[in-house]
């Protein structure tokens, strides 16, 4: 991990996106997804061609999760999804798309 994953505001990322589409690596780095802004929403499109709209409320829930994780678990995809391990997140708002949000933060903060 080169940069520590820090909390980033929804508004900061909206400003970075402007009217462009970015291709961003997942936290695991095995694939990429695209992200863009439409009005006041962030849209994520994964490699399966599925799209999800992220609003400020969803973003803030993920940033609250980032705040409580130890540094060594912040870049673990499984820290942002449901599962049986102690580091999984049972209150995850969306088990498929939530793990993309920390990858967006990492991309724009590096």
PDB file of N, CA and C in Angstrom:
ATOM      1  N   UNK A   1       0.851  -1.168   0.000  1.00  0.00           N
ATOM      2  CA  UNK A   1       0.000   0.000   0.000  1.00  0.00           C
ATOM      3  C   UNK A   1       0.899   1.234   0.000  1.00  0.00           C
ATOM      4  N   UNK A   2       0.806   2.042  -1.044  1.00  0.00           N
ATOM      5  CA  UNK A   2       1.644   3.230  -1.172  1.00  0.00           C
ATOM      6  C   UNK A   2       1.100   4.406  -0.380  1.00  0.00           C
ATOM      7  N   UNK A   3      -0.135   4.705  -0.564  1.00  0.00           N
ATOM      8  CA  UNK A   3      -0.779   5.821   0.112  1.00  0.00           C
ATOM      9  C   UNK A   3      -1.803   5.273   1.095  1.00  0.00           C
ATOM     10  N   UNK A   4      -1.902   5.921   2.240  1.00  0.00           N
ATOM     11  CA  UNK A   4      -2.928   5.542   3.203  1.00  0.00           C
ATOM     12  C   UNK A   4      -4.292   5.969   2.655  1.00  0.00           C
ATOM     13  N   UNK A   5      -5.260   5.090   2.731  1.00  0.00           N
ATOM     14  CA  UNK A   5      -6.602   5.398   2.258  1.00  0.00           C
ATOM     15  C   UNK A   5      -7.273   6.287   3.297  1.00  0.00           C
ATOM     16  N   UNK A   6      -7.566   7.508   2.934  1.00  0.00           N
ATOM     17  CA  UNK A   6      -8.166   8.475   3.847  1.00  0.00           C
ATOM     18  C   UNK A   6      -9.593   8.800   3.440  1.00  0.00           C
ATOM     19  N   UNK A   7     -10.335   9.338   4.363  1.00  0.00           N
ATOM     20  CA  UNK A   7     -11.704   9.773   4.112  1.00  0.00           C
ATOM     21  C   UNK A   7     -11.675  10.932   3.115  1.00  0.00           C
ATOM     22  N   UNK A   8     -12.570  10.869   2.156  1.00  0.00           N
ATOM     23  CA  UNK A   8     -12.683  11.905   1.126  1.00  0.00           C
ATOM     24  C   UNK A   8     -14.155  12.249   0.983  1.00  0.00           C
ATOM     25  N   UNK A   9     -14.457  13.511   0.789  1.00  0.00           N
ATOM     26  CA  UNK A   9     -15.856  13.912   0.676  1.00  0.00           C
ATOM     27  C   UNK A   9     -16.429  13.591  -0.700  1.00  0.00           C
ATOM     28  N   UNK A  10     -17.698  13.404  -0.718  1.00  0.00           N
ATOM     29  CA  UNK A  10     -18.453  13.166  -1.948  1.00  0.00           C
ATOM     30  C   UNK A  10     -18.275  14.342  -2.905  1.00  0.00           C
ATOM     31  N   UNK A  11     -18.332  15.541  -2.371  1.00  0.00           N
ATOM     32  CA  UNK A  11     -18.214  16.752  -3.181  1.00  0.00           C
ATOM     33  C   UNK A  11     -16.838  16.847  -3.848  1.00  0.00           C
ATOM     34  N   UNK A  12     -15.781  16.448  -3.140  1.00  0.00           N
ATOM     35  CA  UNK A  12     -14.432  16.455  -3.695  1.00  0.00           C
ATOM     36  C   UNK A  12     -14.368  15.565  -4.936  1.00  0.00           C
ATOM     37  N   UNK A  13     -14.943  14.383  -4.849  1.00  0.00           N
ATOM     38  CA  UNK A  13     -14.909  13.456  -5.978  1.00  0.00           C
ATOM     39  C   UNK A  13     -15.790  13.961  -7.120  1.00  0.00           C
ATOM     40  N   UNK A  14     -16.942  14.530  -6.806  1.00  0.00           N
ATOM     41  CA  UNK A  14     -17.782  15.112  -7.863  1.00  0.00           C
ATOM     42  C   UNK A  14     -17.014  16.168  -8.637  1.00  0.00           C
ATOM     43  N   UNK A  15     -16.257  17.002  -7.940  1.00  0.00           N
ATOM     44  CA  UNK A  15     -15.456  18.040  -8.608  1.00  0.00           C
ATOM     45  C   UNK A  15     -14.369  17.430  -9.480  1.00  0.00           C
ATOM     46  N   UNK A  16     -13.743  16.359  -9.014  1.00  0.00           N
ATOM     47  CA  UNK A  16     -12.695  15.692  -9.790  1.00  0.00           C
ATOM     48  C   UNK A  16     -13.257  15.052 -11.054  1.00  0.00           C
ATOM     49  N   UNK A  17     -14.460  14.512 -10.952  1.00  0.00           N
ATOM     50  CA  UNK A  17     -15.062  13.829 -12.094  1.00  0.00           C
ATOM     51  C   UNK A  17     -15.461  14.796 -13.203  1.00  0.00           C
ATOM     52  N   UNK A  18     -15.898  16.000 -12.827  1.00  0.00           N
ATOM     53  CA  UNK A  18     -16.394  16.991 -13.786  1.00  0.00           C
ATOM     54  C   UNK A  18     -17.329  16.302 -14.769  1.00  0.00           C
ATOM     55  N   UNK A  19     -17.029  16.359 -16.043  1.00  0.00           N
ATOM     56  CA  UNK A  19     -17.864  15.689 -17.044  1.00  0.00           C
ATOM     57  C   UNK A  19     -17.082  14.621 -17.786  1.00  0.00           C
ATOM     58  N   UNK A  20     -16.149  13.985 -17.084  1.00  0.00           N
ATOM     59  CA  UNK A  20     -15.301  12.959 -17.686  1.00  0.00           C
ATOM     60  C   UNK A  20     -15.663  11.588 -17.138  1.00  0.00           C
ATOM     61  N   UNK A  21     -15.257  10.565 -17.872  1.00  0.00           N
ATOM     62  CA  UNK A  21     -15.368   9.191 -17.404  1.00  0.00           C
ATOM     63  C   UNK A  21     -13.958   8.693 -17.122  1.00  0.00           C
ATOM     64  N   UNK A  22     -13.763   8.100 -15.950  1.00  0.00           N
ATOM     65  CA  UNK A  22     -12.460   7.590 -15.541  1.00  0.00           C
ATOM     66  C   UNK A  22     -12.504   6.076 -15.450  1.00  0.00           C
ATOM     67  N   UNK A  23     -11.422   5.447 -15.865  1.00  0.00           N
ATOM     68  CA  UNK A  23     -11.267   4.008 -15.682  1.00  0.00           C
ATOM     69  C   UNK A  23     -10.339   3.812 -14.490  1.00  0.00           C
ATOM     70  N   UNK A  24     -10.836   3.122 -13.473  1.00  0.00           N
ATOM     71  CA  UNK A  24     -10.147   3.029 -12.185  1.00  0.00           C
ATOM     72  C   UNK A  24      -9.925   1.562 -11.831  1.00  0.00           C
ATOM     73  N   UNK A  25      -8.746   1.219 -11.320  1.00  0.00           N
ATOM     74  CA  UNK A  25      -8.529  -0.163 -10.879  1.00  0.00           C
ATOM     75  C   UNK A  25      -9.280  -0.449  -9.575  1.00  0.00           C
ATOM     76  N   UNK A  26      -9.743  -1.681  -9.444  1.00  0.00           N
ATOM     77  CA  UNK A  26     -10.379  -2.097  -8.200  1.00  0.00           C
ATOM     78  C   UNK A  26      -9.334  -2.114  -7.084  1.00  0.00           C
ATOM     79  N   UNK A  27      -9.773  -2.242  -5.841  1.00  0.00           N
ATOM     80  CA  UNK A  27      -8.819  -2.305  -4.726  1.00  0.00           C
ATOM     81  C   UNK A  27      -7.854  -3.475  -4.888  1.00  0.00           C
ATOM     82  N   UNK A  28      -8.350  -4.592  -5.377  1.00  0.00           N
ATOM     83  CA  UNK A  28      -7.504  -5.764  -5.592  1.00  0.00           C
ATOM     84  C   UNK A  28      -6.609  -5.640  -6.814  1.00  0.00           C
ATOM     85  N   UNK A  29      -6.931  -4.712  -7.698  1.00  0.00           N
ATOM     86  CA  UNK A  29      -6.127  -4.463  -8.880  1.00  0.00           C
ATOM     87  C   UNK A  29      -6.288  -5.478  -9.998  1.00  0.00           C
ATOM     88  N   UNK A  30      -7.217  -6.399  -9.873  1.00  0.00           N
ATOM     89  CA  UNK A  30      -7.383  -7.440 -10.883  1.00  0.00           C
ATOM     90  C   UNK A  30      -8.242  -7.000 -12.064  1.00  0.00           C
ATOM     91  N   UNK A  31      -9.051  -5.991 -11.869  1.00  0.00           N
ATOM     92  CA  UNK A  31      -9.882  -5.496 -12.962  1.00  0.00           C
ATOM     93  C   UNK A  31     -10.071  -3.999 -12.807  1.00  0.00           C
ATOM     94  N   UNK A  32     -10.798  -3.422 -13.742  1.00  0.00           N
ATOM     95  CA  UNK A  32     -11.070  -1.988 -13.721  1.00  0.00           C
ATOM     96  C   UNK A  32     -12.562  -1.754 -13.877  1.00  0.00           C
ATOM     97  N   UNK A  33     -12.974  -0.592 -13.477  1.00  0.00           N
ATOM     98  CA  UNK A  33     -14.366  -0.173 -13.628  1.00  0.00           C
ATOM     99  C   UNK A  33     -14.353   1.276 -14.051  1.00  0.00           C
ATOM    100  N   UNK A  34     -15.482   1.760 -14.543  1.00  0.00           N
ATOM    101  CA  UNK A  34     -15.550   3.165 -14.930  1.00  0.00           C
ATOM    102  C   UNK A  34     -16.420   3.930 -13.951  1.00  0.00           C
ATOM    103  N   UNK A  35     -16.111   5.199 -13.839  1.00  0.00           N
ATOM    104  CA  UNK A  35     -16.861   6.064 -12.934  1.00  0.00           C
ATOM    105  C   UNK A  35     -17.042   7.418 -13.616  1.00  0.00           C
ATOM    106  N   UNK A  36     -18.237   7.971 -13.474  1.00  0.00           N
ATOM    107  CA  UNK A  36     -18.509   9.295 -14.011  1.00  0.00           C
ATOM    108  C   UNK A  36     -19.570   9.991 -13.161  1.00  0.00           C
ATOM    109  N   UNK A  37     -19.771  11.237 -13.452  1.00  0.00           N
ATOM    110  CA  UNK A  37     -20.718  12.069 -12.709  1.00  0.00           C
ATOM    111  C   UNK A  37     -21.891  12.420 -13.622  1.00  0.00           C
ATOM    112  N   UNK A  38     -23.093  12.302 -13.088  1.00  0.00           N
ATOM    113  CA  UNK A  38     -24.295  12.784 -13.764  1.00  0.00           C
ATOM    114  C   UNK A  38     -25.077  13.557 -12.717  1.00  0.00           C
ATOM    115  N   UNK A  39     -25.229  14.840 -12.963  1.00  0.00           N
ATOM    116  CA  UNK A  39     -25.838  15.753 -11.997  1.00  0.00           C
ATOM    117  C   UNK A  39     -25.078  15.662 -10.676  1.00  0.00           C
ATOM    118  N   UNK A  40     -25.748  15.318  -9.587  1.00  0.00           N
ATOM    119  CA  UNK A  40     -25.067  15.219  -8.290  1.00  0.00           C
ATOM    120  C   UNK A  40     -24.938  13.778  -7.817  1.00  0.00           C
ATOM    121  N   UNK A  41     -24.698  12.893  -8.763  1.00  0.00           N
ATOM    122  CA  UNK A  41     -24.520  11.484  -8.450  1.00  0.00           C
ATOM    123  C   UNK A  41     -23.243  10.962  -9.105  1.00  0.00           C
ATOM    124  N   UNK A  42     -22.682   9.942  -8.500  1.00  0.00           N
ATOM    125  CA  UNK A  42     -21.540   9.241  -9.077  1.00  0.00           C
ATOM    126  C   UNK A  42     -22.079   7.921  -9.615  1.00  0.00           C
ATOM    127  N   UNK A  43     -21.741   7.609 -10.851  1.00  0.00           N
ATOM    128  CA  UNK A  43     -22.162   6.360 -11.463  1.00  0.00           C
ATOM    129  C   UNK A  43     -20.960   5.452 -11.652  1.00  0.00           C
ATOM    130  N   UNK A  44     -21.115   4.223 -11.176  1.00  0.00           N
ATOM    131  CA  UNK A  44     -20.075   3.199 -11.289  1.00  0.00           C
ATOM    132  C   UNK A  44     -20.579   2.143 -12.265  1.00  0.00           C
ATOM    133  N   UNK A  45     -19.721   1.779 -13.206  1.00  0.00           N
ATOM    134  CA  UNK A  45     -20.049   0.704 -14.153  1.00  0.00           C
ATOM    135  C   UNK A  45     -18.957  -0.344 -14.042  1.00  0.00           C
ATOM    136  N   UNK A  46     -19.338  -1.563 -13.658  1.00  0.00           N
ATOM    137  CA  UNK A  46     -18.329  -2.599 -13.461  1.00  0.00           C
ATOM    138  C   UNK A  46     -18.050  -3.363 -14.753  1.00  0.00           C
ATOM    139  N   UNK A  47     -17.122  -4.309 -14.672  1.00  0.00           N
ATOM    140  CA  UNK A  47     -16.715  -5.062 -15.862  1.00  0.00           C
ATOM    141  C   UNK A  47     -17.844  -5.937 -16.402  1.00  0.00           C
ATOM    142  N   UNK A  48     -18.846  -6.210 -15.595  1.00  0.00           N
ATOM    143  CA  UNK A  48     -20.021  -6.960 -16.043  1.00  0.00           C
ATOM    144  C   UNK A  48     -21.061  -6.088 -16.710  1.00  0.00           C
ATOM    145  N   UNK A  49     -20.718  -4.816 -16.922  1.00  0.00           N
ATOM    146  CA  UNK A  49     -21.594  -3.838 -17.572  1.00  0.00           C
ATOM    147  C   UNK A  49     -22.806  -3.466 -16.723  1.00  0.00           C
ATOM    148  N   UNK A  50     -22.720  -3.674 -15.412  1.00  0.00           N
ATOM    149  CA  UNK A  50     -23.783  -3.266 -14.497  1.00  0.00           C
ATOM    150  C   UNK A  50     -23.455  -1.882 -13.953  1.00  0.00           C
ATOM    151  N   UNK A  51     -24.469  -1.055 -13.801  1.00  0.00           N
ATOM    152  CA  UNK A  51     -24.281   0.323 -13.342  1.00  0.00           C
ATOM    153  C   UNK A  51     -25.000   0.538 -12.019  1.00  0.00           C
ATOM    154  N   UNK A  52     -24.366   1.342 -11.173  1.00  0.00           N
ATOM    155  CA  UNK A  52     -24.937   1.670  -9.871  1.00  0.00           C
ATOM    156  C   UNK A  52     -24.758   3.161  -9.618  1.00  0.00           C
ATOM    157  N   UNK A  53     -25.796   3.788  -9.085  1.00  0.00           N
ATOM    158  CA  UNK A  53     -25.757   5.212  -8.758  1.00  0.00           C
ATOM    159  C   UNK A  53     -25.417   5.382  -7.279  1.00  0.00           C
ATOM    160  N   UNK A  54     -24.368   6.141  -7.006  1.00  0.00           N
ATOM    161  CA  UNK A  54     -23.953   6.424  -5.627  1.00  0.00           C
ATOM    162  C   UNK A  54     -24.393   7.830  -5.266  1.00  0.00           C
ATOM    163  N   UNK A  55     -25.095   7.946  -4.141  1.00  0.00           N
ATOM    164  CA  UNK A  55     -25.479   9.266  -3.654  1.00  0.00           C
ATOM    165  C   UNK A  55     -24.633   9.621  -2.439  1.00  0.00           C
ATOM    166  N   UNK A  56     -24.816  10.812  -1.944  1.00  0.00           N
ATOM    167  CA  UNK A  56     -24.023  11.309  -0.823  1.00  0.00           C
ATOM    168  C   UNK A  56     -24.202  10.446   0.431  1.00  0.00           C
ATOM    169  N   UNK A  57     -25.413   9.977   0.682  1.00  0.00           N
ATOM    170  CA  UNK A  57     -25.684   9.166   1.870  1.00  0.00           C
ATOM    171  C   UNK A  57     -24.903   7.846   1.842  1.00  0.00           C
ATOM    172  N   UNK A  58     -24.927   7.171   0.702  1.00  0.00           N
ATOM    173  CA  UNK A  58     -24.174   5.918   0.561  1.00  0.00           C
ATOM    174  C   UNK A  58     -22.675   6.191   0.734  1.00  0.00           C
ATOM    175  N   UNK A  59     -22.204   7.248   0.092  1.00  0.00           N
ATOM    176  CA  UNK A  59     -20.788   7.624   0.186  1.00  0.00           C
ATOM    177  C   UNK A  59     -20.381   7.838   1.645  1.00  0.00           C
ATOM    178  N   UNK A  60     -21.181   8.586   2.386  1.00  0.00           N
ATOM    179  CA  UNK A  60     -20.858   8.876   3.784  1.00  0.00           C
ATOM    180  C   UNK A  60     -20.819   7.614   4.648  1.00  0.00           C
ATOM    181  N   UNK A  61     -21.694   6.652   4.372  1.00  0.00           N
ATOM    182  CA  UNK A  61     -21.659   5.386   5.116  1.00  0.00           C
ATOM    183  C   UNK A  61     -20.329   4.671   4.893  1.00  0.00           C
ATOM    184  N   UNK A  62     -19.853   4.685   3.657  1.00  0.00           N
ATOM    185  CA  UNK A  62     -18.574   4.032   3.362  1.00  0.00           C
ATOM    186  C   UNK A  62     -17.423   4.800   4.020  1.00  0.00           C
ATOM    187  N   UNK A  63     -17.482   6.116   3.993  1.00  0.00           N
ATOM    188  CA  UNK A  63     -16.409   6.896   4.628  1.00  0.00           C
ATOM    189  C   UNK A  63     -16.411   6.685   6.147  1.00  0.00           C
ATOM    190  N   UNK A  64     -17.581   6.518   6.743  1.00  0.00           N
ATOM    191  CA  UNK A  64     -17.643   6.186   8.173  1.00  0.00           C
ATOM    192  C   UNK A  64     -16.978   4.839   8.430  1.00  0.00           C
ATOM    193  N   UNK A  65     -17.152   3.919   7.519  1.00  0.00           N
ATOM    194  CA  UNK A  65     -16.495   2.603   7.632  1.00  0.00           C
ATOM    195  C   UNK A  65     -14.971   2.753   7.528  1.00  0.00           C
ATOM    196  N   UNK A  66     -14.503   3.569   6.597  1.00  0.00           N
ATOM    197  CA  UNK A  66     -13.057   3.809   6.442  1.00  0.00           C
ATOM    198  C   UNK A  66     -12.472   4.346   7.744  1.00  0.00           C
ATOM    199  N   UNK A  67     -13.193   5.238   8.391  1.00  0.00           N
ATOM    200  CA  UNK A  67     -12.709   5.858   9.638  1.00  0.00           C
ATOM    201  C   UNK A  67     -12.428   4.840  10.740  1.00  0.00           C
ATOM    202  N   UNK A  68     -13.216   3.779  10.812  1.00  0.00           N
ATOM    203  CA  UNK A  68     -13.083   2.838  11.923  1.00  0.00           C
ATOM    204  C   UNK A  68     -12.168   1.655  11.620  1.00  0.00           C
ATOM    205  N   UNK A  69     -11.789   1.491  10.373  1.00  0.00           N
ATOM    206  CA  UNK A  69     -10.932   0.356  10.019  1.00  0.00           C
ATOM    207  C   UNK A  69      -9.468   0.631  10.360  1.00  0.00           C
ATOM    208  N   UNK A  70      -8.743  -0.388  10.823  1.00  0.00           N
ATOM    209  CA  UNK A  70      -7.299  -0.232  10.978  1.00  0.00           C
ATOM    210  C   UNK A  70      -6.670  -0.031   9.592  1.00  0.00           C
ATOM    211  N   UNK A  71      -5.555   0.667   9.520  1.00  0.00           N
ATOM    212  CA  UNK A  71      -4.920   0.966   8.237  1.00  0.00           C
ATOM    213  C   UNK A  71      -4.691  -0.283   7.387  1.00  0.00           C
ATOM    214  N   UNK A  72      -4.325  -1.393   8.008  1.00  0.00           N
ATOM    215  CA  UNK A  72      -4.024  -2.602   7.239  1.00  0.00           C
ATOM    216  C   UNK A  72      -5.265  -3.278   6.658  1.00  0.00           C
ATOM    217  N   UNK A  73      -6.469  -2.814   7.023  1.00  0.00           N
ATOM    218  CA  UNK A  73      -7.704  -3.394   6.481  1.00  0.00           C
ATOM    219  C   UNK A  73      -8.445  -2.441   5.546  1.00  0.00           C
ATOM    220  N   UNK A  74      -7.973  -1.208   5.410  1.00  0.00           N
ATOM    221  CA  UNK A  74      -8.676  -0.218   4.607  1.00  0.00           C
ATOM    222  C   UNK A  74      -8.679  -0.535   3.116  1.00  0.00           C
ATOM    223  N   UNK A  75      -7.672  -1.238   2.631  1.00  0.00           N
ATOM    224  CA  UNK A  75      -7.612  -1.558   1.208  1.00  0.00           C
ATOM    225  C   UNK A  75      -7.993  -2.995   0.910  1.00  0.00           C
ATOM    226  N   UNK A  76      -8.628  -3.646   1.857  1.00  0.00           N
ATOM    227  CA  UNK A  76      -9.124  -5.003   1.642  1.00  0.00           C
ATOM    228  C   UNK A  76     -10.561  -4.922   1.140  1.00  0.00           C
ATOM    229  N   UNK A  77     -10.796  -5.435  -0.042  1.00  0.00           N
ATOM    230  CA  UNK A  77     -12.142  -5.413  -0.616  1.00  0.00           C
ATOM    231  C   UNK A  77     -13.159  -6.005   0.344  1.00  0.00           C
ATOM    232  N   UNK A  78     -12.775  -7.069   1.027  1.00  0.00           N
ATOM    233  CA  UNK A  78     -13.700  -7.751   1.928  1.00  0.00           C
ATOM    234  C   UNK A  78     -14.087  -6.904   3.142  1.00  0.00           C
ATOM    235  N   UNK A  79     -13.373  -5.834   3.419  1.00  0.00           N
ATOM    236  CA  UNK A  79     -13.739  -4.924   4.508  1.00  0.00           C
ATOM    237  C   UNK A  79     -14.979  -4.105   4.175  1.00  0.00           C
ATOM    238  N   UNK A  80     -15.379  -4.144   2.899  1.00  0.00           N
ATOM    239  CA  UNK A  80     -16.522  -3.352   2.436  1.00  0.00           C
ATOM    240  C   UNK A  80     -17.650  -4.235   1.891  1.00  0.00           C
ATOM    241  N   UNK A  81     -17.683  -5.487   2.337  1.00  0.00           N
ATOM    242  CA  UNK A  81     -18.746  -6.383   1.895  1.00  0.00           C
ATOM    243  C   UNK A  81     -19.120  -7.342   3.017  1.00  0.00           C
ATOM    244  N   UNK A  82     -20.246  -7.988   2.851  1.00  0.00           N
ATOM    245  CA  UNK A  82     -20.731  -8.936   3.860  1.00  0.00           C
ATOM    246  C   UNK A  82     -19.955 -10.246   3.761  1.00  0.00           C
ATOM    247  N   UNK A  83     -19.856 -10.937   4.879  1.00  0.00           N
ATOM    248  CA  UNK A  83     -19.184 -12.220   4.882  1.00  0.00           C
ATOM    249  C   UNK A  83     -19.035 -12.761   6.289  1.00  0.00           C
ATOM    250  N   UNK A  84     -18.254 -13.815   6.428  1.00  0.00           N
ATOM    251  CA  UNK A  84     -18.091 -14.505   7.701  1.00  0.00           C
ATOM    252  C   UNK A  84     -16.850 -14.079   8.479  1.00  0.00           C
ATOM    253  N   UNK A  85     -15.939 -13.336   7.865  1.00  0.00           N
ATOM    254  CA  UNK A  85     -14.701 -12.951   8.541  1.00  0.00           C
ATOM    255  C   UNK A  85     -14.919 -11.761   9.460  1.00  0.00           C
ATOM    256  N   UNK A  86     -14.050 -11.611  10.446  1.00  0.00           N
ATOM    257  CA  UNK A  86     -14.190 -10.521  11.422  1.00  0.00           C
ATOM    258  C   UNK A  86     -14.087  -9.142  10.772  1.00  0.00           C
ATOM    259  N   UNK A  87     -13.410  -9.032   9.631  1.00  0.00           N
ATOM    260  CA  UNK A  87     -13.226  -7.744   8.974  1.00  0.00           C
ATOM    261  C   UNK A  87     -14.322  -7.429   7.958  1.00  0.00           C
ATOM    262  N   UNK A  88     -15.270  -8.353   7.742  1.00  0.00           N
ATOM    263  CA  UNK A  88     -16.381  -8.064   6.839  1.00  0.00           C
ATOM    264  C   UNK A  88     -17.332  -7.052   7.462  1.00  0.00           C
ATOM    265  N   UNK A  89     -18.176  -6.465   6.638  1.00  0.00           N
ATOM    266  CA  UNK A  89     -19.077  -5.399   7.062  1.00  0.00           C
ATOM    267  C   UNK A  89     -20.514  -5.865   6.859  1.00  0.00           C
ATOM    268  N   UNK A  90     -21.155  -6.245   7.929  1.00  0.00           N
ATOM    269  CA  UNK A  90     -22.520  -6.760   7.847  1.00  0.00           C
ATOM    270  C   UNK A  90     -23.544  -5.688   7.469  1.00  0.00           C
ATOM    271  N   UNK A  91     -23.267  -4.417   7.750  1.00  0.00           N
ATOM    272  CA  UNK A  91     -24.193  -3.337   7.415  1.00  0.00           C
ATOM    273  C   UNK A  91     -23.887  -2.708   6.058  1.00  0.00           C
ATOM    274  N   UNK A  92     -23.135  -3.399   5.253  1.00  0.00           N
ATOM    275  CA  UNK A  92     -22.751  -2.918   3.926  1.00  0.00           C
ATOM    276  C   UNK A  92     -23.991  -2.511   3.124  1.00  0.00           C
ATOM    277  N   UNK A  93     -24.037  -1.271   2.608  1.00  0.00           N
ATOM    278  CA  UNK A  93     -25.219  -0.802   1.883  1.00  0.00           C
ATOM    279  C   UNK A  93     -25.469  -1.530   0.551  1.00  0.00           C
ATOM    280  N   UNK A  94     -24.419  -2.006  -0.105  1.00  0.00           N
ATOM    281  CA  UNK A  94     -24.567  -2.729  -1.367  1.00  0.00           C
ATOM    282  C   UNK A  94     -23.337  -3.613  -1.538  1.00  0.00           C
ATOM    283  N   UNK A  95     -23.515  -4.914  -1.427  1.00  0.00           N
ATOM    284  CA  UNK A  95     -22.369  -5.828  -1.397  1.00  0.00           C
ATOM    285  C   UNK A  95     -21.579  -5.863  -2.703  1.00  0.00           C
ATOM    286  N   UNK A  96     -22.183  -5.479  -3.811  1.00  0.00           N
ATOM    287  CA  UNK A  96     -21.477  -5.505  -5.095  1.00  0.00           C
ATOM    288  C   UNK A  96     -20.742  -4.194  -5.359  1.00  0.00           C
ATOM    289  N   UNK A  97     -21.402  -3.067  -5.182  1.00  0.00           N
ATOM    290  CA  UNK A  97     -20.811  -1.800  -5.587  1.00  0.00           C
ATOM    291  C   UNK A  97     -20.104  -1.021  -4.487  1.00  0.00           C
ATOM    292  N   UNK A  98     -20.425  -1.280  -3.235  1.00  0.00           N
ATOM    293  CA  UNK A  98     -19.773  -0.549  -2.150  1.00  0.00           C
ATOM    294  C   UNK A  98     -18.244  -0.670  -2.185  1.00  0.00           C
ATOM    295  N   UNK A  99     -17.657  -1.836  -2.474  1.00  0.00           N
ATOM    296  CA  UNK A  99     -16.188  -1.925  -2.495  1.00  0.00           C
ATOM    297  C   UNK A  99     -15.506  -1.055  -3.560  1.00  0.00           C
ATOM    298  N   UNK A 100     -16.266  -0.557  -4.540  1.00  0.00           N
ATOM    299  CA  UNK A 100     -15.670   0.326  -5.539  1.00  0.00           C
ATOM    300  C   UNK A 100     -15.405   1.725  -4.980  1.00  0.00           C
ATOM    301  N   UNK A 101     -16.158   2.126  -3.981  1.00  0.00           N
ATOM    302  CA  UNK A 101     -16.022   3.480  -3.442  1.00  0.00           C
ATOM    303  C   UNK A 101     -14.630   3.726  -2.851  1.00  0.00           C
ATOM    304  N   UNK A 102     -14.080   2.827  -2.021  1.00  0.00           N
ATOM    305  CA  UNK A 102     -12.714   3.062  -1.542  1.00  0.00           C
ATOM    306  C   UNK A 102     -11.677   3.079  -2.675  1.00  0.00           C
ATOM    307  N   UNK A 103     -11.934   2.343  -3.746  1.00  0.00           N
ATOM    308  CA  UNK A 103     -11.023   2.374  -4.895  1.00  0.00           C
ATOM    309  C   UNK A 103     -11.052   3.749  -5.563  1.00  0.00           C
ATOM    310  N   UNK A 104     -12.225   4.367  -5.616  1.00  0.00           N
ATOM    311  CA  UNK A 104     -12.339   5.728  -6.161  1.00  0.00           C
ATOM    312  C   UNK A 104     -11.554   6.696  -5.284  1.00  0.00           C
ATOM    313  N   UNK A 105     -11.717   6.566  -3.975  1.00  0.00           N
ATOM    314  CA  UNK A 105     -10.986   7.426  -3.028  1.00  0.00           C
ATOM    315  C   UNK A 105      -9.485   7.268  -3.228  1.00  0.00           C
ATOM    316  N   UNK A 106      -9.030   6.044  -3.300  1.00  0.00           N
ATOM    317  CA  UNK A 106      -7.604   5.774  -3.477  1.00  0.00           C
ATOM    318  C   UNK A 106      -7.096   6.400  -4.771  1.00  0.00           C
ATOM    319  N   UNK A 107      -7.846   6.259  -5.845  1.00  0.00           N
ATOM    320  CA  UNK A 107      -7.457   6.791  -7.145  1.00  0.00           C
ATOM    321  C   UNK A 107      -7.289   8.308  -7.103  1.00  0.00           C
ATOM    322  N   UNK A 108      -8.265   9.005  -6.537  1.00  0.00           N
ATOM    323  CA  UNK A 108      -8.214  10.464  -6.553  1.00  0.00           C
ATOM    324  C   UNK A 108      -7.322  11.050  -5.461  1.00  0.00           C
ATOM    325  N   UNK A 109      -6.907  10.239  -4.504  1.00  0.00           N
ATOM    326  CA  UNK A 109      -6.008  10.734  -3.466  1.00  0.00           C
ATOM    327  C   UNK A 109      -4.547  10.373  -3.715  1.00  0.00           C
ATOM    328  N   UNK A 110      -4.277   9.630  -4.771  1.00  0.00           N
ATOM    329  CA  UNK A 110      -2.874   9.252  -5.020  1.00  0.00           C
ATOM    330  C   UNK A 110      -2.216  10.163  -6.018  1.00  0.00           C
TER     331      UNK A 110
END
